[in-house]
C-alpha atoms as a PDB file:
ATOM      1  CA  MET A   1     111.915 105.940  80.240  1.00  0.00           C
ATOM      2  CA  PHE A   2     108.241 106.957  80.342  1.00  0.00           C
ATOM      3  CA  LEU A   3     107.173 103.373  79.733  1.00  0.00           C
ATOM      4  CA  VAL A   4     109.168 102.169  82.733  1.00  0.00           C
ATOM      5  CA  LEU A   5     107.709 104.928  84.905  1.00  0.00           C
ATOM      6  CA  GLY A   6     104.192 104.105  83.715  1.00  0.00           C
ATOM      7  CA  VAL A   7     104.553 100.400  84.482  1.00  0.00           C
ATOM      8  CA  SER A   8     106.058 101.111  87.884  1.00  0.00           C
ATOM      9  CA  ALA A   9     103.259 103.562  88.719  1.00  0.00           C
ATOM     10  CA  THR A  10     100.658 100.954  87.705  1.00  0.00           C
ATOM     11  CA  VAL A  11     102.262  98.272  89.846  1.00  0.00           C
ATOM     12  CA  LEU A  12     102.529 100.704  92.755  1.00  0.00           C
ATOM     13  CA  ALA A  13      98.844 101.630  92.414  1.00  0.00           C
ATOM     14  CA  ILE A  14      97.879  97.953  92.370  1.00  0.00           C
ATOM     15  CA  VAL A  15      99.839  97.395  95.566  1.00  0.00           C
ATOM     16  CA  VAL A  16      98.518 100.521  97.328  1.00  0.00           C
ATOM     17  CA  VAL A  17      94.846 100.138  96.399  1.00  0.00           C
ATOM     18  CA  GLY A  18      95.013  96.383  96.330  1.00  0.00           C
ATOM     19  CA  MET A  19      92.820  93.993  94.469  1.00  0.00           C
ATOM     20  CA  ARG A  20      90.770  93.317  97.610  1.00  0.00           C
ATOM     21  CA  GLY A  21      92.300  95.811 100.013  1.00  0.00           C
ATOM     22  CA  ARG A  22      91.160  98.914 101.850  1.00  0.00           C
ATOM     23  CA  GLY A  23      91.072 101.022  98.715  1.00  0.00           C
ATOM     24  CA  ARG A  24      88.212  98.995  97.243  1.00  0.00           C
ATOM     25  CA  GLU A  25      85.655 100.717  99.486  1.00  0.00           C
ATOM     26  CA  ARG A  26      87.024 104.187  98.791  1.00  0.00           C
ATOM     27  CA  ALA A  27      87.414 103.886  95.022  1.00  0.00           C
ATOM     28  CA  PRO A  28      85.628 100.802  93.691  1.00  0.00           C
ATOM     29  CA  ARG A  29      85.830 101.826  90.021  1.00  0.00           C
ATOM     30  CA  ILE A  30      89.598 102.346  90.177  1.00  0.00           C
ATOM     31  CA  ALA A  31      90.002  99.111  92.116  1.00  0.00           C
ATOM     32  CA  ASP A  32      88.129  97.228  89.382  1.00  0.00           C
ATOM     33  CA  HIS A  33      90.407  98.666  86.693  1.00  0.00           C
ATOM     34  CA  LEU A  34      93.501  97.856  88.731  1.00  0.00           C
ATOM     35  CA  ALA A  35      92.273  94.301  89.322  1.00  0.00           C
ATOM     36  CA  THR A  36      91.860  93.888  85.569  1.00  0.00           C
ATOM     37  CA  ALA A  37      95.363  95.284  85.005  1.00  0.00           C
ATOM     38  CA  ALA A  38      96.759  92.885  87.613  1.00  0.00           C
ATOM     39  CA  LYS A  39      95.134  89.931  85.855  1.00  0.00           C
ATOM     40  CA  HIS A  40      96.656  90.994  82.550  1.00  0.00           C
ATOM     41  CA  LEU A  41     100.081  91.444  84.140  1.00  0.00           C
ATOM     42  CA  ASN A  42      99.798  87.910  85.544  1.00  0.00           C
ATOM     43  CA  GLY A  43      98.751  86.552  82.158  1.00  0.00           C
ATOM     44  CA  GLU A  44      95.276  85.583  83.362  1.00  0.00           C
ATOM     45  CA  GLY A  45      93.277  88.275  81.555  1.00  0.00           C
ATOM     46  CA  GLN A  46      90.933  87.719  78.662  1.00  0.00           C
ATOM     47  CA  PRO A  47      91.996  89.057  75.262  1.00  0.00           C
ATOM     48  CA  PRO A  48      90.139  92.184  74.183  1.00  0.00           C
ATOM     49  CA  GLN A  49      87.065  91.768  72.045  1.00  0.00           C
ATOM     50  CA  PHE A  50      87.250  93.765  68.828  1.00  0.00           C
ATOM     51  CA  SER A  51      84.207  94.740  66.835  1.00  0.00           C
ATOM     52  CA  ARG A  52      84.130  95.298  63.117  1.00  0.00           C
ATOM     53  CA  LEU A  53      84.558  98.875  62.049  1.00  0.00           C
ATOM     54  CA  GLY A  54      82.772  98.714  58.771  1.00  0.00           C
END
């Protein structure tokens, strides 16, 4: 249930702020994170880079 609500809230935030919309001027850091999330949801994102722990 919480997973579905989290995904829907993320998609809603991407739509409201927009990848290149009006929200980019108001909150550029959030817009960058949402653009990255949108790329991952579309399957276009880069895989995370892991560093060695020890």
